[in-house]
Structure formats: C-alpha cells, structure tokens
Amino acid sequence: MAAMTIRNIPDDVHLAIQARARRNGRSAEAEVRAILEAAAGRPIAGLRMGDELAALGKALGGIELDLERPNSPMLTAEFT
C-alpha cells in the first residue's frame, strides 16, 4: 500500500478530525483513510448493512419489533 504525508493541516481541521475519529471509535489516521476512501468513491472497508440499519434505528429513537417465535420444533435438514 502507498503512504502519504500531508503537511500544513490547520489546527482546527486536525482537531475536528480527531473528534470525528473519537466519535467513530477509530484513530485519527484510520479516520483520514475512511474520509479519503469515501471521497474517492470507494466504499468504506468494514461497513456493513447491519451497522447502517442499527444507526438508522438509533437515529429514529429506537424501533420496537413485536416478534413471536413459533412453538413448533425445528426440522433438521437432510442431505442425500
């Protein structure tokens, strides 16, 4: 993989990246990689549909699902 050095980053931008990284639970370096991947049009590694759905539910204040499991026993699969 390639390496890159970026000089003369304004202090306020650096602080904003560090804060964003903390919110997303990753290092500042990992946060910058995620920002660059998104800007380049490449999907962010490790992003999963379940994570997005959970974030959506949290943003909506939670979602209650009234689910009932069937009482009948499960059938085993037979492979011949």
PDB file of N, CA and C in Angstrom:
ATOM      1  N   MET A   1       0.832  -1.176   0.000  1.00  0.00           N
ATOM      2  CA  MET A   1       0.000   0.000   0.000  1.00  0.00           C
ATOM      3  C   MET A   1       0.876   1.238   0.000  1.00  0.00           C
ATOM      4  N   ALA A   2       0.353   2.276  -0.562  1.00  0.00           N
ATOM      5  CA  ALA A   2       1.085   3.532  -0.640  1.00  0.00           C
ATOM      6  C   ALA A   2       0.974   4.290   0.679  1.00  0.00           C
ATOM      7  N   ALA A   3       1.938   5.168   0.913  1.00  0.00           N
ATOM      8  CA  ALA A   3       1.929   6.041   2.088  1.00  0.00           C
ATOM      9  C   ALA A   3       1.913   7.480   1.605  1.00  0.00           C
ATOM     10  N   MET A   4       1.347   8.367   2.425  1.00  0.00           N
ATOM     11  CA  MET A   4       1.231   9.768   2.036  1.00  0.00           C
ATOM     12  C   MET A   4       1.451  10.630   3.272  1.00  0.00           C
ATOM     13  N   THR A   5       2.157  11.725   3.099  1.00  0.00           N
ATOM     14  CA  THR A   5       2.339  12.701   4.170  1.00  0.00           C
ATOM     15  C   THR A   5       1.625  13.974   3.764  1.00  0.00           C
ATOM     16  N   ILE A   6       0.844  14.508   4.659  1.00  0.00           N
ATOM     17  CA  ILE A   6       0.113  15.746   4.379  1.00  0.00           C
ATOM     18  C   ILE A   6       0.613  16.801   5.360  1.00  0.00           C
ATOM     19  N   ARG A   7       1.135  17.870   4.834  1.00  0.00           N
ATOM     20  CA  ARG A   7       1.692  18.934   5.670  1.00  0.00           C
ATOM     21  C   ARG A   7       0.746  20.122   5.736  1.00  0.00           C
ATOM     22  N   ASN A   8       0.972  20.960   6.733  1.00  0.00           N
ATOM     23  CA  ASN A   8       0.271  22.244   6.896  1.00  0.00           C
ATOM     24  C   ASN A   8      -1.243  22.093   7.054  1.00  0.00           C
ATOM     25  N   ILE A   9      -1.646  21.103   7.833  1.00  0.00           N
ATOM     26  CA  ILE A   9      -3.077  20.947   8.142  1.00  0.00           C
ATOM     27  C   ILE A   9      -3.424  21.977   9.212  1.00  0.00           C
ATOM     28  N   PRO A  10      -4.423  22.815   8.991  1.00  0.00           N
ATOM     29  CA  PRO A  10      -4.804  23.800  10.010  1.00  0.00           C
ATOM     30  C   PRO A  10      -5.184  23.109  11.327  1.00  0.00           C
ATOM     31  N   ASP A  11      -4.858  23.750  12.435  1.00  0.00           N
ATOM     32  CA  ASP A  11      -5.114  23.166  13.749  1.00  0.00           C
ATOM     33  C   ASP A  11      -6.588  22.823  13.948  1.00  0.00           C
ATOM     34  N   ASP A  12      -7.493  23.687  13.489  1.00  0.00           N
ATOM     35  CA  ASP A  12      -8.914  23.414  13.683  1.00  0.00           C
ATOM     36  C   ASP A  12      -9.368  22.194  12.892  1.00  0.00           C
ATOM     37  N   VAL A  13      -8.792  21.982  11.720  1.00  0.00           N
ATOM     38  CA  VAL A  13      -9.120  20.798  10.921  1.00  0.00           C
ATOM     39  C   VAL A  13      -8.593  19.548  11.616  1.00  0.00           C
ATOM     40  N   HIS A  14      -7.377  19.628  12.132  1.00  0.00           N
ATOM     41  CA  HIS A  14      -6.779  18.490  12.843  1.00  0.00           C
ATOM     42  C   HIS A  14      -7.619  18.118  14.058  1.00  0.00           C
ATOM     43  N   LEU A  15      -8.046  19.109  14.825  1.00  0.00           N
ATOM     44  CA  LEU A  15      -8.893  18.846  15.994  1.00  0.00           C
ATOM     45  C   LEU A  15     -10.233  18.254  15.598  1.00  0.00           C
ATOM     46  N   ALA A  16     -10.798  18.735  14.495  1.00  0.00           N
ATOM     47  CA  ALA A  16     -12.083  18.209  14.020  1.00  0.00           C
ATOM     48  C   ALA A  16     -11.943  16.750  13.602  1.00  0.00           C
ATOM     49  N   ILE A  17     -10.833  16.404  12.957  1.00  0.00           N
ATOM     50  CA  ILE A  17     -10.607  15.009  12.545  1.00  0.00           C
ATOM     51  C   ILE A  17     -10.432  14.122  13.771  1.00  0.00           C
ATOM     52  N   GLN A  18      -9.713  14.604  14.769  1.00  0.00           N
ATOM     53  CA  GLN A  18      -9.548  13.824  15.995  1.00  0.00           C
ATOM     54  C   GLN A  18     -10.885  13.611  16.695  1.00  0.00           C
ATOM     55  N   ALA A  19     -11.716  14.627  16.742  1.00  0.00           N
ATOM     56  CA  ALA A  19     -13.036  14.497  17.371  1.00  0.00           C
ATOM     57  C   ALA A  19     -13.913  13.518  16.589  1.00  0.00           C
ATOM     58  N   ARG A  20     -13.878  13.624  15.281  1.00  0.00           N
ATOM     59  CA  ARG A  20     -14.663  12.715  14.439  1.00  0.00           C
ATOM     60  C   ARG A  20     -14.193  11.278  14.616  1.00  0.00           C
ATOM     61  N   ALA A  21     -12.876  11.094  14.707  1.00  0.00           N
ATOM     62  CA  ALA A  21     -12.315   9.757  14.914  1.00  0.00           C
ATOM     63  C   ALA A  21     -12.789   9.171  16.245  1.00  0.00           C
ATOM     64  N   ARG A  22     -12.783   9.981  17.311  1.00  0.00           N
ATOM     65  CA  ARG A  22     -13.263   9.506  18.613  1.00  0.00           C
ATOM     66  C   ARG A  22     -14.728   9.084  18.535  1.00  0.00           C
ATOM     67  N   ARG A  23     -15.549   9.895  17.846  1.00  0.00           N
ATOM     68  CA  ARG A  23     -16.975   9.550  17.707  1.00  0.00           C
ATOM     69  C   ARG A  23     -17.166   8.232  16.967  1.00  0.00           C
ATOM     70  N   ASN A  24     -16.277   7.964  16.010  1.00  0.00           N
ATOM     71  CA  ASN A  24     -16.396   6.743  15.207  1.00  0.00           C
ATOM     72  C   ASN A  24     -15.580   5.584  15.766  1.00  0.00           C
ATOM     73  N   GLY A  25     -14.926   5.797  16.911  1.00  0.00           N
ATOM     74  CA  GLY A  25     -14.193   4.715  17.563  1.00  0.00           C
ATOM     75  C   GLY A  25     -12.965   4.253  16.816  1.00  0.00           C
ATOM     76  N   ARG A  26     -12.262   5.168  16.179  1.00  0.00           N
ATOM     77  CA  ARG A  26     -11.034   4.780  15.475  1.00  0.00           C
ATOM     78  C   ARG A  26      -9.973   5.858  15.641  1.00  0.00           C
ATOM     79  N   SER A  27      -8.770   5.554  15.202  1.00  0.00           N
ATOM     80  CA  SER A  27      -7.671   6.511  15.298  1.00  0.00           C
ATOM     81  C   SER A  27      -7.857   7.627  14.276  1.00  0.00           C
ATOM     82  N   ALA A  28      -7.132   8.728  14.489  1.00  0.00           N
ATOM     83  CA  ALA A  28      -7.203   9.833  13.525  1.00  0.00           C
ATOM     84  C   ALA A  28      -6.717   9.374  12.158  1.00  0.00           C
ATOM     85  N   GLU A  29      -5.688   8.548  12.138  1.00  0.00           N
ATOM     86  CA  GLU A  29      -5.167   8.044  10.862  1.00  0.00           C
ATOM     87  C   GLU A  29      -6.215   7.192  10.149  1.00  0.00           C
ATOM     88  N   ALA A  30      -6.891   6.319  10.877  1.00  0.00           N
ATOM     89  CA  ALA A  30      -7.947   5.490  10.278  1.00  0.00           C
ATOM     90  C   ALA A  30      -9.105   6.359   9.798  1.00  0.00           C
ATOM     91  N   GLU A  31      -9.392   7.422  10.543  1.00  0.00           N
ATOM     92  CA  GLU A  31     -10.475   8.330  10.142  1.00  0.00           C
ATOM     93  C   GLU A  31     -10.136   9.026   8.827  1.00  0.00           C
ATOM     94  N   VAL A  32      -8.894   9.486   8.701  1.00  0.00           N
ATOM     95  CA  VAL A  32      -8.471  10.140   7.453  1.00  0.00           C
ATOM     96  C   VAL A  32      -8.546   9.156   6.294  1.00  0.00           C
ATOM     97  N   ARG A  33      -8.151   7.896   6.529  1.00  0.00           N
ATOM     98  CA  ARG A  33      -8.267   6.877   5.465  1.00  0.00           C
ATOM     99  C   ARG A  33      -9.718   6.709   5.051  1.00  0.00           C
ATOM    100  N   ALA A  34     -10.631   6.650   6.016  1.00  0.00           N
ATOM    101  CA  ALA A  34     -12.056   6.493   5.708  1.00  0.00           C
ATOM    102  C   ALA A  34     -12.571   7.692   4.914  1.00  0.00           C
ATOM    103  N   ILE A  35     -12.147   8.890   5.302  1.00  0.00           N
ATOM    104  CA  ILE A  35     -12.563  10.097   4.585  1.00  0.00           C
ATOM    105  C   ILE A  35     -12.055  10.055   3.152  1.00  0.00           C
ATOM    106  N   LEU A  36     -10.796   9.665   2.971  1.00  0.00           N
ATOM    107  CA  LEU A  36     -10.221   9.604   1.623  1.00  0.00           C
ATOM    108  C   LEU A  36     -10.897   8.533   0.771  1.00  0.00           C
ATOM    109  N   GLU A  37     -11.192   7.376   1.372  1.00  0.00           N
ATOM    110  CA  GLU A  37     -11.875   6.311   0.627  1.00  0.00           C
ATOM    111  C   GLU A  37     -13.260   6.762   0.182  1.00  0.00           C
ATOM    112  N   ALA A  38     -13.978   7.435   1.068  1.00  0.00           N
ATOM    113  CA  ALA A  38     -15.317   7.922   0.711  1.00  0.00           C
ATOM    114  C   ALA A  38     -15.230   8.986  -0.384  1.00  0.00           C
ATOM    115  N   ALA A  39     -14.244   9.870  -0.276  1.00  0.00           N
ATOM    116  CA  ALA A  39     -14.086  10.923  -1.283  1.00  0.00           C
ATOM    117  C   ALA A  39     -13.692  10.355  -2.637  1.00  0.00           C
ATOM    118  N   ALA A  40     -12.970   9.245  -2.621  1.00  0.00           N
ATOM    119  CA  ALA A  40     -12.541   8.621  -3.872  1.00  0.00           C
ATOM    120  C   ALA A  40     -13.640   7.756  -4.485  1.00  0.00           C
ATOM    121  N   GLY A  41     -14.771   7.637  -3.796  1.00  0.00           N
ATOM    122  CA  GLY A  41     -15.880   6.850  -4.325  1.00  0.00           C
ATOM    123  C   GLY A  41     -15.775   5.382  -4.015  1.00  0.00           C
ATOM    124  N   ARG A  42     -14.869   5.013  -3.140  1.00  0.00           N
ATOM    125  CA  ARG A  42     -14.695   3.613  -2.757  1.00  0.00           C
ATOM    126  C   ARG A  42     -15.442   3.378  -1.448  1.00  0.00           C
ATOM    127  N   PRO A  43     -16.173   2.278  -1.325  1.00  0.00           N
ATOM    128  CA  PRO A  43     -16.893   2.035  -0.079  1.00  0.00           C
ATOM    129  C   PRO A  43     -15.918   1.881   1.083  1.00  0.00           C
ATOM    130  N   ILE A  44     -16.342   2.305   2.247  1.00  0.00           N
ATOM    131  CA  ILE A  44     -15.509   2.224   3.434  1.00  0.00           C
ATOM    132  C   ILE A  44     -15.399   0.768   3.858  1.00  0.00           C
ATOM    133  N   ALA A  45     -14.172   0.310   4.051  1.00  0.00           N
ATOM    134  CA  ALA A  45     -13.931  -1.079   4.444  1.00  0.00           C
ATOM    135  C   ALA A  45     -14.585  -1.361   5.788  1.00  0.00           C
ATOM    136  N   GLY A  46     -15.206  -2.502   5.902  1.00  0.00           N
ATOM    137  CA  GLY A  46     -15.792  -2.904   7.161  1.00  0.00           C
ATOM    138  C   GLY A  46     -17.209  -2.392   7.394  1.00  0.00           C
ATOM    139  N   LEU A  47     -17.716  -1.546   6.522  1.00  0.00           N
ATOM    140  CA  LEU A  47     -19.066  -1.028   6.694  1.00  0.00           C
ATOM    141  C   LEU A  47     -20.051  -2.111   6.289  1.00  0.00           C
ATOM    142  N   ARG A  48     -20.989  -2.397   7.165  1.00  0.00           N
ATOM    143  CA  ARG A  48     -21.938  -3.467   6.899  1.00  0.00           C
ATOM    144  C   ARG A  48     -23.373  -2.937   6.967  1.00  0.00           C
ATOM    145  N   MET A  49     -24.247  -3.587   6.269  1.00  0.00           N
ATOM    146  CA  MET A  49     -25.642  -3.184   6.218  1.00  0.00           C
ATOM    147  C   MET A  49     -26.262  -3.158   7.611  1.00  0.00           C
ATOM    148  N   GLY A  50     -25.930  -4.128   8.441  1.00  0.00           N
ATOM    149  CA  GLY A  50     -26.467  -4.171   9.798  1.00  0.00           C
ATOM    150  C   GLY A  50     -26.083  -2.944  10.599  1.00  0.00           C
ATOM    151  N   ASP A  51     -24.837  -2.487  10.426  1.00  0.00           N
ATOM    152  CA  ASP A  51     -24.389  -1.280  11.116  1.00  0.00           C
ATOM    153  C   ASP A  51     -25.210  -0.072  10.684  1.00  0.00           C
ATOM    154  N   GLU A  52     -25.478   0.022   9.398  1.00  0.00           N
ATOM    155  CA  GLU A  52     -26.272   1.139   8.887  1.00  0.00           C
ATOM    156  C   GLU A  52     -27.702   1.086   9.399  1.00  0.00           C
ATOM    157  N   LEU A  53     -28.293  -0.099   9.435  1.00  0.00           N
ATOM    158  CA  LEU A  53     -29.661  -0.237   9.928  1.00  0.00           C
ATOM    159  C   LEU A  53     -29.745   0.078  11.421  1.00  0.00           C
ATOM    160  N   ALA A  54     -28.738  -0.359  12.182  1.00  0.00           N
ATOM    161  CA  ALA A  54     -28.714  -0.050  13.610  1.00  0.00           C
ATOM    162  C   ALA A  54     -28.594   1.451  13.831  1.00  0.00           C
ATOM    163  N   ALA A  55     -27.755   2.118  13.038  1.00  0.00           N
ATOM    164  CA  ALA A  55     -27.598   3.569  13.152  1.00  0.00           C
ATOM    165  C   ALA A  55     -28.903   4.281  12.798  1.00  0.00           C
ATOM    166  N   LEU A  56     -29.598   3.795  11.791  1.00  0.00           N
ATOM    167  CA  LEU A  56     -30.876   4.383  11.410  1.00  0.00           C
ATOM    168  C   LEU A  56     -31.898   4.227  12.533  1.00  0.00           C
ATOM    169  N   GLY A  57     -31.967   3.037  13.109  1.00  0.00           N
ATOM    170  CA  GLY A  57     -32.890   2.807  14.223  1.00  0.00           C
ATOM    171  C   GLY A  57     -32.574   3.705  15.402  1.00  0.00           C
ATOM    172  N   LYS A  58     -31.286   3.872  15.691  1.00  0.00           N
ATOM    173  CA  LYS A  58     -30.883   4.748  16.796  1.00  0.00           C
ATOM    174  C   LYS A  58     -31.263   6.192  16.505  1.00  0.00           C
ATOM    175  N   ALA A  59     -31.065   6.624  15.260  1.00  0.00           N
ATOM    176  CA  ALA A  59     -31.409   7.995  14.880  1.00  0.00           C
ATOM    177  C   ALA A  59     -32.910   8.238  14.990  1.00  0.00           C
ATOM    178  N   LEU A  60     -33.705   7.210  14.800  1.00  0.00           N
ATOM    179  CA  LEU A  60     -35.164   7.332  14.890  1.00  0.00           C
ATOM    180  C   LEU A  60     -35.675   7.168  16.316  1.00  0.00           C
ATOM    181  N   GLY A  61     -34.752   6.974  17.247  1.00  0.00           N
ATOM    182  CA  GLY A  61     -35.158   6.828  18.645  1.00  0.00           C
ATOM    183  C   GLY A  61     -35.480   5.408  19.033  1.00  0.00           C
ATOM    184  N   GLY A  62     -35.061   4.459  18.233  1.00  0.00           N
ATOM    185  CA  GLY A  62     -35.314   3.055  18.538  1.00  0.00           C
ATOM    186  C   GLY A  62     -36.522   2.529  17.793  1.00  0.00           C
ATOM    187  N   ILE A  63     -36.513   1.259  17.558  1.00  0.00           N
ATOM    188  CA  ILE A  63     -37.604   0.605  16.844  1.00  0.00           C
ATOM    189  C   ILE A  63     -38.000  -0.635  17.637  1.00  0.00           C
ATOM    190  N   GLU A  64     -39.271  -0.751  17.973  1.00  0.00           N
ATOM    191  CA  GLU A  64     -39.770  -1.912  18.691  1.00  0.00           C
ATOM    192  C   GLU A  64     -40.360  -2.900  17.690  1.00  0.00           C
ATOM    193  N   LEU A  65     -39.911  -4.118  17.768  1.00  0.00           N
ATOM    194  CA  LEU A  65     -40.447  -5.170  16.918  1.00  0.00           C
ATOM    195  C   LEU A  65     -41.191  -6.166  17.790  1.00  0.00           C
ATOM    196  N   ASP A  66     -42.433  -6.430  17.454  1.00  0.00           N
ATOM    197  CA  ASP A  66     -43.235  -7.383  18.201  1.00  0.00           C
ATOM    198  C   ASP A  66     -43.163  -8.714  17.458  1.00  0.00           C
ATOM    199  N   LEU A  67     -42.176  -9.512  17.810  1.00  0.00           N
ATOM    200  CA  LEU A  67     -41.949 -10.771  17.112  1.00  0.00           C
ATOM    201  C   LEU A  67     -42.275 -11.940  18.029  1.00  0.00           C
ATOM    202  N   GLU A  68     -42.878 -12.959  17.467  1.00  0.00           N
ATOM    203  CA  GLU A  68     -43.161 -14.177  18.212  1.00  0.00           C
ATOM    204  C   GLU A  68     -42.517 -15.349  17.477  1.00  0.00           C
ATOM    205  N   ARG A  69     -41.838 -16.167  18.243  1.00  0.00           N
ATOM    206  CA  ARG A  69     -41.249 -17.363  17.656  1.00  0.00           C
ATOM    207  C   ARG A  69     -42.293 -18.468  17.618  1.00  0.00           C
ATOM    208  N   PRO A  70     -42.293 -19.260  16.568  1.00  0.00           N
ATOM    209  CA  PRO A  70     -43.247 -20.379  16.523  1.00  0.00           C
ATOM    210  C   PRO A  70     -42.895 -21.412  17.595  1.00  0.00           C
ATOM    211  N   ASN A  71     -43.921 -22.064  18.136  1.00  0.00           N
ATOM    212  CA  ASN A  71     -43.713 -23.070  19.179  1.00  0.00           C
ATOM    213  C   ASN A  71     -43.377 -24.437  18.617  1.00  0.00           C
ATOM    214  N   SER A  72     -43.541 -24.635  17.322  1.00  0.00           N
ATOM    215  CA  SER A  72     -43.277 -25.946  16.731  1.00  0.00           C
ATOM    216  C   SER A  72     -41.768 -26.195  16.669  1.00  0.00           C
ATOM    217  N   PRO A  73     -41.366 -27.458  16.823  1.00  0.00           N
ATOM    218  CA  PRO A  73     -39.934 -27.763  16.775  1.00  0.00           C
ATOM    219  C   PRO A  73     -39.380 -27.545  15.364  1.00  0.00           C
ATOM    220  N   MET A  74     -38.129 -27.208  15.315  1.00  0.00           N
ATOM    221  CA  MET A  74     -37.486 -27.014  14.017  1.00  0.00           C
ATOM    222  C   MET A  74     -37.177 -28.361  13.389  1.00  0.00           C
ATOM    223  N   LEU A  75     -37.260 -28.429  12.089  1.00  0.00           N
ATOM    224  CA  LEU A  75     -36.948 -29.651  11.372  1.00  0.00           C
ATOM    225  C   LEU A  75     -35.473 -29.651  11.004  1.00  0.00           C
ATOM    226  N   THR A  76     -34.867 -30.787  11.060  1.00  0.00           N
ATOM    227  CA  THR A  76     -33.463 -30.897  10.669  1.00  0.00           C
ATOM    228  C   THR A  76     -33.370 -31.072   9.155  1.00  0.00           C
ATOM    229  N   ALA A  77     -32.297 -30.570   8.607  1.00  0.00           N
ATOM    230  CA  ALA A  77     -32.076 -30.705   7.171  1.00  0.00           C
ATOM    231  C   ALA A  77     -31.533 -32.082   6.867  1.00  0.00           C
ATOM    232  N   GLU A  78     -31.957 -32.629   5.747  1.00  0.00           N
ATOM    233  CA  GLU A  78     -31.451 -33.936   5.322  1.00  0.00           C
ATOM    234  C   GLU A  78     -30.740 -33.740   3.986  1.00  0.00           C
ATOM    235  N   PHE A  79     -29.501 -34.203   3.952  1.00  0.00           N
ATOM    236  CA  PHE A  79     -28.698 -34.100   2.729  1.00  0.00           C
ATOM    237  C   PHE A  79     -28.453 -35.507   2.218  1.00  0.00           C
ATOM    238  N   THR A  80     -28.847 -35.722   0.977  1.00  0.00           N
ATOM    239  CA  THR A  80     -28.633 -37.066   0.410  1.00  0.00           C
ATOM    240  C   THR A  80     -27.729 -37.011  -0.788  1.00  0.00           C
TER     241      THR A  80
END
